C-alpha atoms as a PDB file:
ATOM      1  CA  MET A   1       0.000   0.000   0.000  1.00  0.00           C
ATOM      2  CA  SER A   2       1.439   3.333  -1.039  1.00  0.00           C
ATOM      3  CA  GLU A   3       0.772   6.551   0.800  1.00  0.00           C
ATOM      4  CA  ASN A   4       1.002  10.084  -0.476  1.00  0.00           C
ATOM      5  CA  ILE A   5       3.093  12.106   1.930  1.00  0.00           C
ATOM      6  CA  LEU A   6       3.188  15.887   2.001  1.00  0.00           C
ATOM      7  CA  ILE A   7       6.314  17.380   3.545  1.00  0.00           C
ATOM      8  CA  THR A   8       6.668  20.863   4.943  1.00  0.00           C
ATOM      9  CA  GLY A   9      10.225  22.137   5.094  1.00  0.00           C
ATOM     10  CA  ALA A  10      11.424  19.772   2.358  1.00  0.00           C
ATOM     11  CA  SER A  11      14.174  22.216   1.390  1.00  0.00           C
ATOM     12  CA  GLY A  12      15.435  22.717   4.951  1.00  0.00           C
ATOM     13  CA  PHE A  13      18.271  20.951   6.735  1.00  0.00           C
ATOM     14  CA  VAL A  14      16.264  17.982   8.023  1.00  0.00           C
ATOM     15  CA  GLY A  15      13.872  18.056   5.067  1.00  0.00           C
ATOM     16  CA  THR A  16      16.546  17.596   2.410  1.00  0.00           C
ATOM     17  CA  HIS A  17      17.838  14.483   4.171  1.00  0.00           C
ATOM     18  CA  PHE A  18      14.321  13.134   4.624  1.00  0.00           C
ATOM     19  CA  VAL A  19      13.495  13.705   0.947  1.00  0.00           C
ATOM     20  CA  GLU A  20      16.702  11.904  -0.028  1.00  0.00           C
ATOM     21  CA  TYR A  21      15.607   8.923   2.096  1.00  0.00           C
ATOM     22  CA  LEU A  22      12.128   8.900   0.523  1.00  0.00           C
ATOM     23  CA  LYS A  23      13.575   9.015  -2.983  1.00  0.00           C
ATOM     24  CA  LYS A  24      15.915   6.088  -2.254  1.00  0.00           C
ATOM     25  CA  ASN A  25      12.929   4.095  -1.022  1.00  0.00           C
ATOM     26  CA  ASN A  26      10.564   5.083  -3.852  1.00  0.00           C
ATOM     27  CA  VAL A  27       8.030   6.714  -1.529  1.00  0.00           C
ATOM     28  CA  ASN A  28       5.393   9.016  -3.017  1.00  0.00           C
ATOM     29  CA  TYR A  29       5.788  12.498  -1.588  1.00  0.00           C
ATOM     30  CA  GLY A  30       5.135  16.107  -2.397  1.00  0.00           C
ATOM     31  CA  ALA A  31       6.674  19.262  -1.006  1.00  0.00           C
ATOM     32  CA  PHE A  32       4.393  21.792   0.691  1.00  0.00           C
ATOM     33  CA  THR A  33       5.342  25.037  -1.003  1.00  0.00           C
ATOM     34  CA  ASP A  34       2.739  27.439   0.362  1.00  0.00           C
ATOM     35  CA  ASN A  35       3.294  29.913   3.177  1.00  0.00           C
ATOM     36  CA  ILE A  36       2.291  28.148   6.397  1.00  0.00           C
ATOM     37  CA  LEU A  37       0.719  31.365   7.700  1.00  0.00           C
ATOM     38  CA  SER A  38      -1.408  32.231   4.681  1.00  0.00           C
ATOM     39  CA  GLY A  39      -4.420  30.672   3.036  1.00  0.00           C
ATOM     40  CA  TYR A  40      -3.621  27.298   1.503  1.00  0.00           C
ATOM     41  CA  GLU A  41      -5.601  24.242   0.547  1.00  0.00           C
ATOM     42  CA  PHE A  42      -4.425  20.658   0.738  1.00  0.00           C
ATOM     43  CA  ASN A  43      -6.470  19.729  -2.328  1.00  0.00           C
ATOM     44  CA  ASN A  44      -3.909  21.733  -4.334  1.00  0.00           C
ATOM     45  CA  TYR A  45      -1.506  18.865  -3.547  1.00  0.00           C
ATOM     46  CA  GLY A  46      -3.737  15.994  -4.655  1.00  0.00           C
ATOM     47  CA  LYS A  47      -4.442  13.091  -2.336  1.00  0.00           C
ATOM     48  CA  VAL A  48      -2.689  13.543   1.021  1.00  0.00           C
ATOM     49  CA  ASP A  49      -2.545  10.572   3.404  1.00  0.00           C
ATOM     50  CA  ALA A  50       0.124  11.912   5.742  1.00  0.00           C
ATOM     51  CA  ILE A  51       1.877  15.158   6.521  1.00  0.00           C
ATOM     52  CA  VAL A  52       5.397  15.293   7.898  1.00  0.00           C
ATOM     53  CA  HIS A  53       5.797  18.771   9.342  1.00  0.00           C
ATOM     54  CA  LEU A  54       9.483  19.693   9.342  1.00  0.00           C
ATOM     55  CA  ALA A  55       9.200  23.410   8.560  1.00  0.00           C
ATOM     56  CA  GLY A  56      10.038  26.047  11.108  1.00  0.00           C
ATOM     57  CA  LEU A  57      12.151  29.048  11.907  1.00  0.00           C
ATOM     58  CA  ALA A  58      15.392  28.149  13.644  1.00  0.00           C
ATOM     59  CA  HIS A  59      18.872  29.596  14.065  1.00  0.00           C
ATOM     60  CA  ASN A  60      17.972  32.813  12.276  1.00  0.00           C
ATOM     61  CA  LYS A  61      18.903  35.909  14.252  1.00  0.00           C
ATOM     62  CA  ALA A  62      16.956  38.092  11.808  1.00  0.00           C
ATOM     63  CA  CYS A  63      13.659  36.624  13.040  1.00  0.00           C
ATOM     64  CA  THR A  64      11.839  38.200  15.937  1.00  0.00           C
ATOM     65  CA  ASP A  65      10.417  36.171  18.817  1.00  0.00           C
ATOM     66  CA  LYS A  66       6.961  37.010  17.477  1.00  0.00           C
ATOM     67  CA  GLU A  67       7.797  35.634  14.014  1.00  0.00           C
ATOM     68  CA  ILE A  68       9.228  32.460  15.540  1.00  0.00           C
ATOM     69  CA  TYR A  69       6.053  31.978  17.588  1.00  0.00           C
ATOM     70  CA  GLU A  70       3.760  32.683  14.626  1.00  0.00           C
ATOM     71  CA  VAL A  71       5.467  30.160  12.365  1.00  0.00           C
ATOM     72  CA  ASN A  72       6.597  27.456  14.777  1.00  0.00           C
ATOM     73  CA  THR A  73       3.612  27.473  17.118  1.00  0.00           C
ATOM     74  CA  GLN A  74       0.572  29.026  15.514  1.00  0.00           C
ATOM     75  CA  GLY A  75       1.447  27.842  11.995  1.00  0.00           C
ATOM     76  CA  ALA A  76       2.021  24.257  13.141  1.00  0.00           C
ATOM     77  CA  ILE A  77      -1.208  24.133  15.157  1.00  0.00           C
ATOM     78  CA  ARG A  78      -3.251  25.589  12.287  1.00  0.00           C
ATOM     79  CA  LEU A  79      -1.629  23.178   9.838  1.00  0.00           C
ATOM     80  CA  ALA A  80      -2.480  20.182  12.054  1.00  0.00           C
ATOM     81  CA  GLN A  81      -6.077  21.352  12.503  1.00  0.00           C
ATOM     82  CA  LYS A  82      -6.519  21.985   8.809  1.00  0.00           C
ATOM     83  CA  ALA A  83      -5.045  18.554   8.031  1.00  0.00           C
ATOM     84  CA  LYS A  84      -7.506  16.938  10.433  1.00  0.00           C
ATOM     85  CA  ASN A  85     -10.427  18.811   8.861  1.00  0.00           C
ATOM     86  CA  TYR A  86      -9.228  17.733   5.399  1.00  0.00           C
ATOM     87  CA  GLY A  87      -9.171  14.079   6.495  1.00  0.00           C
ATOM     88  CA  VAL A  88      -5.411  13.507   6.530  1.00  0.00           C
ATOM     89  CA  LYS A  89      -4.851  10.210   8.362  1.00  0.00           C
ATOM     90  CA  ARG A  90      -1.469  11.035   9.916  1.00  0.00           C
ATOM     91  CA  PHE A  91       0.218  14.216  11.035  1.00  0.00           C
ATOM     92  CA  ILE A  92       3.835  13.854  12.112  1.00  0.00           C
ATOM     93  CA  PHE A  93       5.256  16.866  13.895  1.00  0.00           C
ATOM     94  CA  MET A  94       9.012  17.258  14.185  1.00  0.00           C
ATOM     95  CA  SER A  95       9.796  19.135  17.357  1.00  0.00           C
ATOM     96  CA  SER A  96      13.350  19.702  18.572  1.00  0.00           C
ATOM     97  CA  THR A  97      15.730  18.513  21.246  1.00  0.00           C
ATOM     98  CA  ALA A  98      16.124  22.230  21.985  1.00  0.00           C
ATOM     99  CA  VAL A  99      13.170  21.838  24.356  1.00  0.00           C
ATOM    100  CA  TYR A 100      15.608  19.993  26.635  1.00  0.00           C
ATOM    101  CA  GLY A 101      18.224  22.732  26.574  1.00  0.00           C
ATOM    102  CA  SER A 102      21.770  22.381  25.321  1.00  0.00           C
ATOM    103  CA  ALA A 103      23.048  19.436  23.338  1.00  0.00           C
ATOM    104  CA  SER A 104      25.123  18.205  26.273  1.00  0.00           C
ATOM    105  CA  GLN A 105      22.840  15.218  26.839  1.00  0.00           C
ATOM    106  CA  LEU A 106      23.287  12.213  24.582  1.00  0.00           C
ATOM    107  CA  ALA A 107      19.821  10.773  25.170  1.00  0.00           C
ATOM    108  CA  VAL A 108      16.447  12.045  26.268  1.00  0.00           C
ATOM    109  CA  ASP A 109      13.321  10.218  27.338  1.00  0.00           C
ATOM    110  CA  GLU A 110       9.929  11.053  28.848  1.00  0.00           C
ATOM    111  CA  ASN A 111      11.617  11.781  32.203  1.00  0.00           C
ATOM    112  CA  THR A 112      14.096  14.335  30.863  1.00  0.00           C
ATOM    113  CA  PRO A 113      13.232  17.770  32.287  1.00  0.00           C
ATOM    114  CA  LEU A 114      12.403  20.614  29.949  1.00  0.00           C
ATOM    115  CA  ALA A 115      14.797  23.534  29.634  1.00  0.00           C
ATOM    116  CA  LEU A 116      13.066  26.125  27.475  1.00  0.00           C
ATOM    117  CA  HIS A 117      15.894  28.659  27.239  1.00  0.00           C
ATOM    118  CA  THR A 118      15.234  30.057  23.761  1.00  0.00           C
ATOM    119  CA  SER A 119      12.275  31.424  21.819  1.00  0.00           C
ATOM    120  CA  PHE A 120      12.755  28.574  19.373  1.00  0.00           C
ATOM    121  CA  ALA A 121      12.533  25.936  22.127  1.00  0.00           C
ATOM    122  CA  LYS A 122       9.477  27.607  23.664  1.00  0.00           C
ATOM    123  CA  SER A 123       7.748  27.829  20.282  1.00  0.00           C
ATOM    124  CA  LYS A 124       8.327  24.139  19.550  1.00  0.00           C
ATOM    125  CA  TYR A 125       7.105  23.081  22.983  1.00  0.00           C
ATOM    126  CA  GLU A 126       3.984  25.231  22.714  1.00  0.00           C
ATOM    127  CA  ALA A 127       3.289  23.662  19.318  1.00  0.00           C
ATOM    128  CA  GLU A 128       3.627  20.203  20.877  1.00  0.00           C
ATOM    129  CA  LEU A 129       1.021  21.155  23.473  1.00  0.00           C
ATOM    130  CA  GLY A 130      -1.309  22.687  20.894  1.00  0.00           C
ATOM    131  CA  ILE A 131      -1.145  19.758  18.527  1.00  0.00           C
END
């Protein structure tokens, strides 16, 4: 059974590696190319069985805290809700280990305490809660 996967952030750091993996494994996918904050329709992408949400603002000092929140939190929550309303069966949200603070830890699990030290980390965590 083949699924049609729509990927946000396909041209980003994680997205390019994920797309490479999908291509190697002959998986049907499309890249979400609309602005996550503006009006978009999933039917413009054909049949969508799953969305892998990799898009977000990170490591960009030109972005304000407000812009980071709008894209990473509000945009992700709206995207998930719209996907649900459209009938998408799966929504996979890529958060970030940044919610646990610095990269000094090698492994995290459900008992690892949060350390929301940056706007990026806070925005990802708030999206997790909202989704």
